[in-house]
Amino acid sequence: MNRINKPSAAFTFAILGALTLAGCDSAAPMPEPPLAGAAIGGDFALTNSKGETVRWDDFAGRYRVVYFGYAFCPDICPTDMQRVAQGLKALKASDPDKAARIVPIFITIDPERDNQQVVGEFAAAFSPDIIGLTGTPEQIAATARAFKVYYAKGEDVEGGGYLVDHSNVTYLFGPQGEPIATLPTDKGGEAVAAELARWVN
């Protein structure tokens, strides 16, 4: 007759404990944000739709979604802003606590036409939560440099006016103003919501 050796209770508990610890150790750590350590962002003094001075530090403690564009943009800017708004709305529905920690900011790169009323109306057309900011040409230029955004006056358009060439990027910053990631506005609102949910805690 074959003899079956049963493990002792102490051995069984030891194995279970080791497996438990192994399971804890195998938990994947939170990956480092793509823009961690990047020299992007910095203080500014711009003007909101009410004529009030707004500084970067006014948003301390909150995550910040930042987009540079202009109200007279015929396609890309409205599309990106719509997808930002859709992403925030989707996140608010699935995780209102996370959504409440985010402030979306639109900064014009066309201060000659985008005065405080224009940026306010443009931002509000997508969401009442979006803060539109403008400033003098010098203030906008300094802010764009700090946020590594390119822009330049482009070609004239029929009927008057002109286009503005500019970087097409939507930034996510952390509560201390640190750059975290760019948001995939090119993939739609759901993708934006997923990326926000990934990094906002």
N, C-alpha and C. Protein backbone atom coordinates (compact mmCIF):
# COMPACT_ATOMS: atom_id res chain seq x y z
N MET A 1 0.85 -1.18 0.00
CA MET A 1 0.00 0.00 0.00
C MET A 1 0.89 1.24 0.00
N ASN A 2 0.60 2.16 -0.89
CA ASN A 2 1.37 3.38 -0.94
C ASN A 2 1.00 4.29 0.21
N ARG A 3 2.01 4.91 0.76
CA ARG A 3 1.78 5.81 1.88
C ARG A 3 1.66 7.25 1.36
N ILE A 4 0.62 7.93 1.78
CA ILE A 4 0.42 9.32 1.37
C ILE A 4 0.80 10.22 2.52
N ASN A 5 1.79 11.06 2.29
CA ASN A 5 2.23 12.00 3.31
C ASN A 5 1.42 13.28 3.22
N LYS A 6 0.65 13.58 4.24
CA LYS A 6 -0.13 14.81 4.27
C LYS A 6 0.72 15.93 4.86
N PRO A 7 0.70 17.10 4.26
CA PRO A 7 1.48 18.20 4.81
C PRO A 7 0.94 18.64 6.16
N SER A 8 1.83 19.10 6.99
CA SER A 8 1.42 19.56 8.31
C SER A 8 0.65 20.87 8.18
N ALA A 9 -0.08 21.21 9.25
CA ALA A 9 -0.85 22.46 9.25
C ALA A 9 0.09 23.66 9.15
N ALA A 10 1.24 23.58 9.83
CA ALA A 10 2.19 24.68 9.80
C ALA A 10 2.72 24.92 8.40
N PHE A 11 3.00 23.81 7.68
CA PHE A 11 3.51 23.91 6.32
C PHE A 11 2.46 24.54 5.41
N THR A 12 1.22 24.09 5.60
CA THR A 12 0.13 24.63 4.78
C THR A 12 -0.02 26.13 4.98
N PHE A 13 0.00 26.58 6.24
CA PHE A 13 -0.13 28.00 6.52
C PHE A 13 1.06 28.79 5.95
N ALA A 14 2.23 28.18 6.00
CA ALA A 14 3.41 28.86 5.47
C ALA A 14 3.30 29.07 3.97
N ILE A 15 2.83 28.04 3.26
CA ILE A 15 2.66 28.15 1.81
C ILE A 15 1.61 29.20 1.46
N LEU A 16 0.49 29.16 2.18
CA LEU A 16 -0.56 30.13 1.93
C LEU A 16 -0.08 31.55 2.17
N GLY A 17 0.72 31.71 3.23
CA GLY A 17 1.25 33.03 3.52
C GLY A 17 2.19 33.51 2.44
N ALA A 18 3.03 32.60 1.93
CA ALA A 18 3.97 32.96 0.87
C ALA A 18 3.23 33.35 -0.40
N LEU A 19 2.17 32.59 -0.71
CA LEU A 19 1.39 32.90 -1.90
C LEU A 19 0.71 34.26 -1.77
N THR A 20 0.24 34.55 -0.56
CA THR A 20 -0.41 35.84 -0.32
C THR A 20 0.58 36.98 -0.53
N LEU A 21 1.79 36.81 0.03
CA LEU A 21 2.80 37.83 -0.13
C LEU A 21 3.22 37.97 -1.59
N ALA A 22 3.33 36.84 -2.28
CA ALA A 22 3.70 36.88 -3.68
C ALA A 22 2.65 37.62 -4.50
N GLY A 23 1.40 37.40 -4.13
CA GLY A 23 0.32 38.09 -4.84
C GLY A 23 0.41 39.59 -4.63
N CYS A 24 0.76 40.01 -3.40
CA CYS A 24 0.90 41.44 -3.13
C CYS A 24 2.05 42.03 -3.91
N ASP A 25 3.18 41.28 -3.92
CA ASP A 25 4.37 41.78 -4.58
C ASP A 25 4.19 41.86 -6.09
N SER A 26 3.30 41.03 -6.63
CA SER A 26 3.14 40.98 -8.07
C SER A 26 2.25 42.09 -8.61
N ALA A 27 1.64 42.87 -7.70
CA ALA A 27 0.79 43.97 -8.15
C ALA A 27 1.64 44.98 -8.91
N ALA A 28 1.20 45.32 -10.12
CA ALA A 28 1.98 46.23 -10.96
C ALA A 28 1.96 47.64 -10.38
N PRO A 29 3.12 48.25 -10.22
CA PRO A 29 3.16 49.61 -9.70
C PRO A 29 2.60 50.58 -10.73
N MET A 30 2.16 51.73 -10.27
CA MET A 30 1.64 52.75 -11.17
C MET A 30 2.77 53.23 -12.07
N PRO A 31 2.58 53.19 -13.39
CA PRO A 31 3.66 53.61 -14.29
C PRO A 31 3.95 55.11 -14.14
N GLU A 32 5.15 55.48 -14.49
CA GLU A 32 5.51 56.89 -14.42
C GLU A 32 4.79 57.65 -15.53
N PRO A 33 4.24 58.81 -15.23
CA PRO A 33 3.54 59.59 -16.26
C PRO A 33 4.45 59.89 -17.44
N PRO A 34 3.92 59.90 -18.64
CA PRO A 34 4.73 60.14 -19.84
C PRO A 34 5.50 61.45 -19.82
N LEU A 35 4.93 62.48 -19.20
CA LEU A 35 5.58 63.80 -19.20
C LEU A 35 6.26 64.11 -17.88
N ALA A 36 6.46 63.10 -17.04
CA ALA A 36 7.09 63.32 -15.73
C ALA A 36 8.46 63.97 -15.91
N GLY A 37 8.67 65.07 -15.21
CA GLY A 37 9.96 65.76 -15.25
C GLY A 37 10.15 66.70 -16.42
N ALA A 38 9.20 66.76 -17.34
CA ALA A 38 9.32 67.65 -18.49
C ALA A 38 9.19 69.10 -18.06
N ALA A 39 9.95 69.96 -18.71
CA ALA A 39 9.91 71.40 -18.39
C ALA A 39 8.78 72.06 -19.18
N ILE A 40 7.56 71.74 -18.80
CA ILE A 40 6.38 72.27 -19.47
C ILE A 40 5.48 72.94 -18.44
N GLY A 41 5.04 74.15 -18.74
CA GLY A 41 4.16 74.86 -17.82
C GLY A 41 4.90 75.92 -17.03
N GLY A 42 4.14 76.68 -16.27
CA GLY A 42 4.74 77.73 -15.47
C GLY A 42 3.73 78.84 -15.21
N ASP A 43 4.10 79.74 -14.36
CA ASP A 43 3.17 80.78 -13.95
C ASP A 43 2.84 81.72 -15.11
N PHE A 44 1.64 82.23 -15.10
CA PHE A 44 1.21 83.24 -16.06
C PHE A 44 0.24 84.18 -15.38
N ALA A 45 -0.01 85.30 -16.03
CA ALA A 45 -1.02 86.25 -15.58
C ALA A 45 -1.86 86.60 -16.79
N LEU A 46 -3.01 85.96 -16.94
CA LEU A 46 -3.89 86.15 -18.08
C LEU A 46 -5.25 86.67 -17.60
N THR A 47 -6.17 86.86 -18.52
CA THR A 47 -7.46 87.47 -18.20
C THR A 47 -8.60 86.55 -18.59
N ASN A 48 -9.57 86.38 -17.69
CA ASN A 48 -10.71 85.52 -18.01
C ASN A 48 -11.85 86.36 -18.62
N SER A 49 -12.98 85.70 -18.84
CA SER A 49 -14.10 86.37 -19.51
C SER A 49 -14.71 87.50 -18.69
N LYS A 50 -14.42 87.53 -17.39
CA LYS A 50 -14.94 88.59 -16.52
C LYS A 50 -13.96 89.74 -16.35
N GLY A 51 -12.83 89.64 -17.02
CA GLY A 51 -11.82 90.68 -16.89
C GLY A 51 -10.93 90.52 -15.69
N GLU A 52 -11.01 89.37 -15.02
CA GLU A 52 -10.20 89.12 -13.82
C GLU A 52 -8.86 88.52 -14.20
N THR A 53 -7.84 88.87 -13.44
CA THR A 53 -6.52 88.29 -13.66
C THR A 53 -6.48 86.87 -13.10
N VAL A 54 -6.01 85.96 -13.91
CA VAL A 54 -5.93 84.55 -13.51
C VAL A 54 -4.47 84.10 -13.61
N ARG A 55 -4.00 83.45 -12.55
CA ARG A 55 -2.64 82.93 -12.53
C ARG A 55 -2.66 81.40 -12.45
N TRP A 56 -1.55 80.81 -12.88
CA TRP A 56 -1.42 79.36 -12.85
C TRP A 56 -1.62 78.80 -11.45
N ASP A 57 -1.08 79.49 -10.47
CA ASP A 57 -1.17 79.02 -9.09
C ASP A 57 -2.59 79.11 -8.52
N ASP A 58 -3.48 79.81 -9.22
CA ASP A 58 -4.87 79.86 -8.76
C ASP A 58 -5.52 78.47 -8.81
N PHE A 59 -4.93 77.57 -9.59
CA PHE A 59 -5.50 76.23 -9.75
C PHE A 59 -4.77 75.19 -8.91
N ALA A 60 -3.95 75.63 -7.99
CA ALA A 60 -3.19 74.70 -7.14
C ALA A 60 -4.14 73.74 -6.43
N GLY A 61 -3.76 72.47 -6.41
CA GLY A 61 -4.58 71.46 -5.76
C GLY A 61 -5.55 70.77 -6.71
N ARG A 62 -5.62 71.24 -7.94
CA ARG A 62 -6.53 70.63 -8.92
C ARG A 62 -5.75 70.17 -10.15
N TYR A 63 -6.26 69.13 -10.77
CA TYR A 63 -5.71 68.71 -12.06
C TYR A 63 -6.16 69.71 -13.11
N ARG A 64 -5.33 69.93 -14.13
CA ARG A 64 -5.64 70.94 -15.12
C ARG A 64 -5.49 70.38 -16.54
N VAL A 65 -6.54 70.54 -17.31
CA VAL A 65 -6.49 70.21 -18.73
C VAL A 65 -6.29 71.53 -19.47
N VAL A 66 -5.21 71.63 -20.25
CA VAL A 66 -4.86 72.90 -20.89
C VAL A 66 -4.77 72.71 -22.40
N TYR A 67 -5.48 73.59 -23.11
CA TYR A 67 -5.45 73.58 -24.57
C TYR A 67 -5.23 74.98 -25.10
N PHE A 68 -4.32 75.11 -26.05
CA PHE A 68 -4.07 76.38 -26.72
C PHE A 68 -4.70 76.35 -28.11
N GLY A 69 -5.47 77.37 -28.43
CA GLY A 69 -6.11 77.43 -29.74
C GLY A 69 -6.66 78.82 -29.97
N TYR A 70 -7.62 78.94 -30.88
CA TYR A 70 -8.22 80.25 -31.11
C TYR A 70 -9.65 80.10 -31.58
N ALA A 71 -10.46 81.08 -31.24
CA ALA A 71 -11.90 80.99 -31.45
C ALA A 71 -12.29 80.98 -32.92
N PHE A 72 -11.48 81.60 -33.78
CA PHE A 72 -11.80 81.66 -35.20
C PHE A 72 -11.25 80.46 -35.97
N CYS A 73 -10.72 79.49 -35.26
CA CYS A 73 -10.20 78.27 -35.89
C CYS A 73 -11.37 77.55 -36.59
N PRO A 74 -11.20 77.18 -37.85
CA PRO A 74 -12.33 76.61 -38.60
C PRO A 74 -12.63 75.14 -38.30
N ASP A 75 -11.68 74.40 -37.74
CA ASP A 75 -11.94 72.96 -37.59
C ASP A 75 -11.28 72.30 -36.39
N ILE A 76 -9.97 72.31 -36.32
CA ILE A 76 -9.25 71.53 -35.31
C ILE A 76 -9.59 71.95 -33.89
N CYS A 77 -9.54 73.24 -33.61
CA CYS A 77 -9.80 73.71 -32.24
C CYS A 77 -11.20 73.34 -31.75
N PRO A 78 -12.24 73.61 -32.53
CA PRO A 78 -13.58 73.23 -32.05
C PRO A 78 -13.72 71.73 -31.85
N THR A 79 -13.10 70.95 -32.74
CA THR A 79 -13.17 69.49 -32.61
C THR A 79 -12.48 69.03 -31.33
N ASP A 80 -11.29 69.54 -31.09
CA ASP A 80 -10.56 69.14 -29.88
C ASP A 80 -11.30 69.57 -28.62
N MET A 81 -11.82 70.78 -28.61
CA MET A 81 -12.53 71.25 -27.43
C MET A 81 -13.80 70.45 -27.18
N GLN A 82 -14.48 70.07 -28.25
CA GLN A 82 -15.67 69.25 -28.10
C GLN A 82 -15.32 67.90 -27.48
N ARG A 83 -14.21 67.32 -27.89
CA ARG A 83 -13.82 66.02 -27.36
C ARG A 83 -13.33 66.13 -25.93
N VAL A 84 -12.70 67.23 -25.58
CA VAL A 84 -12.34 67.46 -24.18
C VAL A 84 -13.60 67.52 -23.33
N ALA A 85 -14.58 68.29 -23.81
CA ALA A 85 -15.84 68.42 -23.08
C ALA A 85 -16.55 67.08 -22.96
N GLN A 86 -16.54 66.30 -24.04
CA GLN A 86 -17.17 64.98 -24.01
C GLN A 86 -16.46 64.05 -23.01
N GLY A 87 -15.14 64.12 -23.00
CA GLY A 87 -14.38 63.30 -22.07
C GLY A 87 -14.66 63.64 -20.62
N LEU A 88 -14.73 64.93 -20.33
CA LEU A 88 -15.03 65.37 -18.97
C LEU A 88 -16.45 64.98 -18.56
N LYS A 89 -17.37 65.08 -19.50
CA LYS A 89 -18.76 64.70 -19.22
C LYS A 89 -18.86 63.20 -18.94
N ALA A 90 -18.15 62.40 -19.72
CA ALA A 90 -18.17 60.95 -19.52
C ALA A 90 -17.54 60.58 -18.18
N LEU A 91 -16.45 61.25 -17.83
CA LEU A 91 -15.80 60.96 -16.54
C LEU A 91 -16.71 61.39 -15.39
N LYS A 92 -17.39 62.50 -15.55
CA LYS A 92 -18.30 62.98 -14.51
C LYS A 92 -19.42 61.97 -14.26
N ALA A 93 -19.86 61.31 -15.33
CA ALA A 93 -20.92 60.31 -15.19
C ALA A 93 -20.43 59.04 -14.52
N SER A 94 -19.19 58.65 -14.80
CA SER A 94 -18.66 57.40 -14.26
C SER A 94 -17.95 57.57 -12.92
N ASP A 95 -17.33 58.74 -12.72
CA ASP A 95 -16.57 58.98 -11.48
C ASP A 95 -16.62 60.47 -11.15
N PRO A 96 -17.72 60.94 -10.60
CA PRO A 96 -17.88 62.38 -10.35
C PRO A 96 -16.82 62.97 -9.41
N ASP A 97 -16.29 62.17 -8.50
CA ASP A 97 -15.26 62.68 -7.59
C ASP A 97 -13.99 63.05 -8.34
N LYS A 98 -13.60 62.19 -9.28
CA LYS A 98 -12.41 62.50 -10.09
C LYS A 98 -12.66 63.71 -10.96
N ALA A 99 -13.82 63.75 -11.60
CA ALA A 99 -14.14 64.86 -12.49
C ALA A 99 -14.12 66.19 -11.76
N ALA A 100 -14.53 66.18 -10.50
CA ALA A 100 -14.58 67.41 -9.71
C ALA A 100 -13.20 67.97 -9.41
N ARG A 101 -12.17 67.14 -9.57
CA ARG A 101 -10.81 67.58 -9.28
C ARG A 101 -10.12 68.19 -10.49
N ILE A 102 -10.83 68.27 -11.61
CA ILE A 102 -10.24 68.73 -12.87
C ILE A 102 -10.81 70.09 -13.26
N VAL A 103 -9.94 70.99 -13.71
CA VAL A 103 -10.38 72.26 -14.28
C VAL A 103 -9.84 72.34 -15.71
N PRO A 104 -10.74 72.48 -16.69
CA PRO A 104 -10.31 72.62 -18.09
C PRO A 104 -10.06 74.08 -18.44
N ILE A 105 -8.97 74.34 -19.15
CA ILE A 105 -8.56 75.71 -19.45
C ILE A 105 -8.27 75.85 -20.95
N PHE A 106 -8.86 76.86 -21.57
CA PHE A 106 -8.60 77.19 -22.97
C PHE A 106 -7.84 78.50 -23.00
N ILE A 107 -6.66 78.50 -23.63
CA ILE A 107 -5.84 79.71 -23.75
C ILE A 107 -5.70 80.08 -25.22
N THR A 108 -6.10 81.29 -25.57
CA THR A 108 -6.01 81.69 -26.96
C THR A 108 -4.57 81.95 -27.39
N ILE A 109 -4.30 81.72 -28.68
CA ILE A 109 -3.01 82.11 -29.26
C ILE A 109 -3.27 83.19 -30.32
N ASP A 110 -4.44 83.80 -30.24
CA ASP A 110 -4.84 84.86 -31.17
C ASP A 110 -5.44 86.03 -30.38
N PRO A 111 -4.62 86.66 -29.53
CA PRO A 111 -5.16 87.70 -28.64
C PRO A 111 -5.67 88.94 -29.37
N GLU A 112 -5.25 89.15 -30.61
CA GLU A 112 -5.71 90.32 -31.35
C GLU A 112 -7.21 90.25 -31.62
N ARG A 113 -7.74 89.04 -31.82
CA ARG A 113 -9.17 88.88 -32.08
C ARG A 113 -9.91 88.29 -30.89
N ASP A 114 -9.25 87.43 -30.14
CA ASP A 114 -9.92 86.74 -29.03
C ASP A 114 -9.82 87.56 -27.74
N ASN A 115 -10.71 88.53 -27.62
CA ASN A 115 -10.75 89.30 -26.37
C ASN A 115 -11.46 88.48 -25.30
N GLN A 116 -11.64 89.06 -24.13
CA GLN A 116 -12.20 88.29 -23.01
C GLN A 116 -13.62 87.80 -23.31
N GLN A 117 -14.40 88.60 -24.01
CA GLN A 117 -15.76 88.17 -24.35
C GLN A 117 -15.74 87.00 -25.33
N VAL A 118 -14.87 87.07 -26.33
CA VAL A 118 -14.80 86.03 -27.34
C VAL A 118 -14.34 84.71 -26.75
N VAL A 119 -13.28 84.73 -25.93
CA VAL A 119 -12.81 83.47 -25.35
C VAL A 119 -13.84 82.89 -24.38
N GLY A 120 -14.55 83.78 -23.71
CA GLY A 120 -15.58 83.31 -22.79
C GLY A 120 -16.71 82.61 -23.51
N GLU A 121 -17.16 83.20 -24.61
CA GLU A 121 -18.24 82.61 -25.40
C GLU A 121 -17.79 81.31 -26.07
N PHE A 122 -16.56 81.30 -26.55
CA PHE A 122 -16.03 80.10 -27.21
C PHE A 122 -15.95 78.94 -26.23
N ALA A 123 -15.39 79.18 -25.05
CA ALA A 123 -15.25 78.13 -24.05
C ALA A 123 -16.62 77.64 -23.59
N ALA A 124 -17.53 78.57 -23.34
CA ALA A 124 -18.85 78.21 -22.83
C ALA A 124 -19.67 77.43 -23.85
N ALA A 125 -19.33 77.56 -25.14
CA ALA A 125 -20.06 76.83 -26.17
C ALA A 125 -19.87 75.32 -26.03
N PHE A 126 -18.79 74.92 -25.37
CA PHE A 126 -18.50 73.49 -25.20
C PHE A 126 -18.83 72.99 -23.80
N SER A 127 -18.60 73.83 -22.81
CA SER A 127 -18.91 73.46 -21.43
C SER A 127 -18.82 74.69 -20.53
N PRO A 128 -19.74 74.84 -19.62
CA PRO A 128 -19.65 75.98 -18.68
C PRO A 128 -18.48 75.84 -17.72
N ASP A 129 -17.88 74.66 -17.69
CA ASP A 129 -16.75 74.43 -16.78
C ASP A 129 -15.42 74.89 -17.37
N ILE A 130 -15.37 75.09 -18.68
CA ILE A 130 -14.11 75.47 -19.32
C ILE A 130 -13.83 76.94 -19.10
N ILE A 131 -12.63 77.25 -18.66
CA ILE A 131 -12.21 78.63 -18.40
C ILE A 131 -11.45 79.14 -19.62
N GLY A 132 -11.96 80.20 -20.25
CA GLY A 132 -11.28 80.80 -21.39
C GLY A 132 -10.38 81.93 -20.93
N LEU A 133 -9.15 81.96 -21.44
CA LEU A 133 -8.18 82.98 -21.02
C LEU A 133 -7.56 83.67 -22.23
N THR A 134 -7.33 84.96 -22.09
CA THR A 134 -6.66 85.75 -23.11
C THR A 134 -5.66 86.68 -22.42
N GLY A 135 -5.04 87.55 -23.19
CA GLY A 135 -4.06 88.46 -22.62
C GLY A 135 -3.49 89.34 -23.71
N THR A 136 -2.47 90.08 -23.37
CA THR A 136 -1.77 90.87 -24.38
C THR A 136 -0.95 89.94 -25.25
N PRO A 137 -0.56 90.38 -26.44
CA PRO A 137 0.31 89.54 -27.26
C PRO A 137 1.57 89.09 -26.53
N GLU A 138 2.11 89.97 -25.71
CA GLU A 138 3.32 89.62 -24.96
C GLU A 138 3.04 88.55 -23.91
N GLN A 139 1.91 88.67 -23.22
CA GLN A 139 1.54 87.68 -22.20
C GLN A 139 1.28 86.31 -22.83
N ILE A 140 0.59 86.32 -23.96
CA ILE A 140 0.31 85.05 -24.64
C ILE A 140 1.60 84.41 -25.14
N ALA A 141 2.49 85.21 -25.69
CA ALA A 141 3.76 84.68 -26.19
C ALA A 141 4.57 84.05 -25.07
N ALA A 142 4.62 84.71 -23.92
CA ALA A 142 5.38 84.18 -22.79
C ALA A 142 4.75 82.90 -22.27
N THR A 143 3.43 82.84 -22.22
CA THR A 143 2.74 81.64 -21.75
C THR A 143 2.94 80.48 -22.71
N ALA A 144 2.84 80.76 -24.00
CA ALA A 144 3.05 79.71 -25.00
C ALA A 144 4.46 79.14 -24.91
N ARG A 145 5.45 79.99 -24.70
CA ARG A 145 6.83 79.50 -24.56
C ARG A 145 6.95 78.59 -23.35
N ALA A 146 6.34 79.00 -22.24
CA ALA A 146 6.43 78.19 -21.01
C ALA A 146 5.78 76.82 -21.19
N PHE A 147 4.74 76.76 -22.01
CA PHE A 147 4.01 75.51 -22.21
C PHE A 147 4.44 74.78 -23.48
N LYS A 148 5.52 75.25 -24.08
CA LYS A 148 6.11 74.61 -25.28
C LYS A 148 5.09 74.51 -26.42
N VAL A 149 4.39 75.60 -26.64
CA VAL A 149 3.39 75.65 -27.70
C VAL A 149 3.87 76.58 -28.81
N TYR A 150 3.83 76.09 -30.03
CA TYR A 150 4.20 76.89 -31.20
C TYR A 150 2.95 77.52 -31.80
N TYR A 151 3.07 78.76 -32.26
CA TYR A 151 2.00 79.37 -33.03
C TYR A 151 2.58 80.48 -33.89
N ALA A 152 1.92 80.73 -35.01
CA ALA A 152 2.35 81.79 -35.91
C ALA A 152 1.18 82.18 -36.80
N LYS A 153 1.09 83.45 -37.11
CA LYS A 153 0.02 83.92 -38.00
C LYS A 153 0.18 83.27 -39.36
N GLY A 154 -0.91 82.71 -39.85
CA GLY A 154 -0.86 82.00 -41.12
C GLY A 154 -1.41 82.82 -42.27
N GLU A 155 -1.95 82.14 -43.25
CA GLU A 155 -2.41 82.80 -44.46
C GLU A 155 -3.74 83.53 -44.25
N ASP A 156 -3.94 84.53 -45.07
CA ASP A 156 -5.22 85.25 -45.05
C ASP A 156 -6.30 84.38 -45.68
N VAL A 157 -7.53 84.61 -45.26
CA VAL A 157 -8.64 83.85 -45.81
C VAL A 157 -9.57 84.78 -46.57
N GLU A 158 -10.33 84.21 -47.48
CA GLU A 158 -11.24 84.99 -48.30
C GLU A 158 -12.28 85.70 -47.43
N GLY A 159 -12.51 86.94 -47.71
CA GLY A 159 -13.48 87.71 -46.94
C GLY A 159 -12.87 88.43 -45.77
N GLY A 160 -11.55 88.36 -45.63
CA GLY A 160 -10.87 89.01 -44.52
C GLY A 160 -10.51 88.01 -43.43
N GLY A 161 -9.68 88.43 -42.53
CA GLY A 161 -9.26 87.53 -41.46
C GLY A 161 -8.05 86.72 -41.87
N TYR A 162 -7.69 85.79 -41.01
CA TYR A 162 -6.49 84.98 -41.24
C TYR A 162 -6.56 83.73 -40.39
N LEU A 163 -5.76 82.74 -40.74
CA LEU A 163 -5.63 81.53 -39.96
C LEU A 163 -4.42 81.66 -39.04
N VAL A 164 -4.33 80.80 -38.03
CA VAL A 164 -3.17 80.78 -37.14
C VAL A 164 -2.66 79.34 -37.07
N ASP A 165 -1.41 79.16 -37.46
CA ASP A 165 -0.78 77.85 -37.32
C ASP A 165 -0.38 77.66 -35.86
N HIS A 166 -0.62 76.46 -35.32
CA HIS A 166 -0.26 76.26 -33.91
C HIS A 166 -0.16 74.78 -33.56
N SER A 167 0.52 74.52 -32.46
CA SER A 167 0.63 73.16 -31.95
C SER A 167 -0.76 72.63 -31.60
N ASN A 168 -0.97 71.37 -31.86
CA ASN A 168 -2.25 70.73 -31.56
C ASN A 168 -2.02 69.71 -30.46
N VAL A 169 -2.08 70.16 -29.21
CA VAL A 169 -1.81 69.28 -28.08
C VAL A 169 -2.69 69.68 -26.90
N THR A 170 -3.19 68.67 -26.20
CA THR A 170 -3.99 68.90 -25.00
C THR A 170 -3.25 68.32 -23.81
N TYR A 171 -2.84 69.16 -22.89
CA TYR A 171 -2.04 68.73 -21.75
C TYR A 171 -2.91 68.39 -20.54
N LEU A 172 -2.42 67.43 -19.75
CA LEU A 172 -2.95 67.19 -18.42
C LEU A 172 -1.86 67.47 -17.41
N PHE A 173 -2.15 68.36 -16.46
CA PHE A 173 -1.21 68.70 -15.39
C PHE A 173 -1.78 68.23 -14.06
N GLY A 174 -0.88 67.96 -13.11
CA GLY A 174 -1.28 67.49 -11.80
C GLY A 174 -1.58 68.63 -10.83
N PRO A 175 -1.94 68.28 -9.60
CA PRO A 175 -2.33 69.28 -8.59
C PRO A 175 -1.23 70.28 -8.23
N GLN A 176 0.02 69.90 -8.45
CA GLN A 176 1.12 70.82 -8.18
C GLN A 176 1.58 71.57 -9.43
N GLY A 177 0.83 71.40 -10.51
CA GLY A 177 1.19 72.04 -11.76
C GLY A 177 2.19 71.25 -12.58
N GLU A 178 2.43 70.00 -12.19
CA GLU A 178 3.40 69.18 -12.89
C GLU A 178 2.78 68.54 -14.13
N PRO A 179 3.51 68.49 -15.25
CA PRO A 179 2.97 67.86 -16.45
C PRO A 179 2.85 66.35 -16.27
N ILE A 180 1.74 65.79 -16.68
CA ILE A 180 1.49 64.36 -16.53
C ILE A 180 1.45 63.65 -17.88
N ALA A 181 0.58 64.10 -18.77
CA ALA A 181 0.39 63.40 -20.04
C ALA A 181 -0.30 64.32 -21.03
N THR A 182 -0.36 63.89 -22.29
CA THR A 182 -1.20 64.55 -23.28
C THR A 182 -2.46 63.70 -23.45
N LEU A 183 -3.56 64.35 -23.76
CA LEU A 183 -4.82 63.65 -23.90
C LEU A 183 -5.11 63.34 -25.36
N PRO A 184 -5.61 62.13 -25.65
CA PRO A 184 -5.82 61.69 -27.04
C PRO A 184 -7.11 62.23 -27.65
N THR A 185 -7.17 63.53 -27.86
CA THR A 185 -8.37 64.12 -28.44
C THR A 185 -8.62 63.60 -29.85
N ASP A 186 -7.57 63.14 -30.52
CA ASP A 186 -7.74 62.62 -31.88
C ASP A 186 -8.51 61.29 -31.89
N LYS A 187 -8.64 60.67 -30.73
CA LYS A 187 -9.34 59.38 -30.64
C LYS A 187 -10.75 59.49 -30.07
N GLY A 188 -11.18 60.70 -29.75
CA GLY A 188 -12.56 60.89 -29.30
C GLY A 188 -12.70 61.08 -27.80
N GLY A 189 -13.92 61.44 -27.41
CA GLY A 189 -14.20 61.75 -26.02
C GLY A 189 -14.01 60.60 -25.06
N GLU A 190 -14.37 59.39 -25.47
CA GLU A 190 -14.22 58.24 -24.58
C GLU A 190 -12.75 57.98 -24.27
N ALA A 191 -11.89 58.16 -25.27
CA ALA A 191 -10.45 57.98 -25.05
C ALA A 191 -9.91 59.04 -24.10
N VAL A 192 -10.43 60.24 -24.22
CA VAL A 192 -10.03 61.31 -23.30
C VAL A 192 -10.46 60.96 -21.88
N ALA A 193 -11.68 60.49 -21.72
CA ALA A 193 -12.18 60.11 -20.40
C ALA A 193 -11.34 59.00 -19.79
N ALA A 194 -10.96 58.02 -20.61
CA ALA A 194 -10.16 56.90 -20.11
C ALA A 194 -8.79 57.36 -19.64
N GLU A 195 -8.19 58.29 -20.37
CA GLU A 195 -6.86 58.78 -19.99
C GLU A 195 -6.94 59.62 -18.72
N LEU A 196 -8.00 60.40 -18.60
CA LEU A 196 -8.19 61.16 -17.36
C LEU A 196 -8.38 60.24 -16.17
N ALA A 197 -9.19 59.21 -16.35
CA ALA A 197 -9.44 58.26 -15.25
C ALA A 197 -8.16 57.54 -14.84
N ARG A 198 -7.27 57.36 -15.80
CA ARG A 198 -6.01 56.65 -15.52
C ARG A 198 -5.09 57.45 -14.60
N TRP A 199 -5.05 58.77 -14.79
CA TRP A 199 -4.05 59.57 -14.08
C TRP A 199 -4.61 60.38 -12.92
N VAL A 200 -5.88 60.69 -12.94
CA VAL A 200 -6.45 61.51 -11.85
C VAL A 200 -6.79 60.60 -10.67
N ASN A 201 -6.35 60.95 -9.50
CA ASN A 201 -6.66 60.14 -8.31
C ASN A 201 -6.96 61.05 -7.12
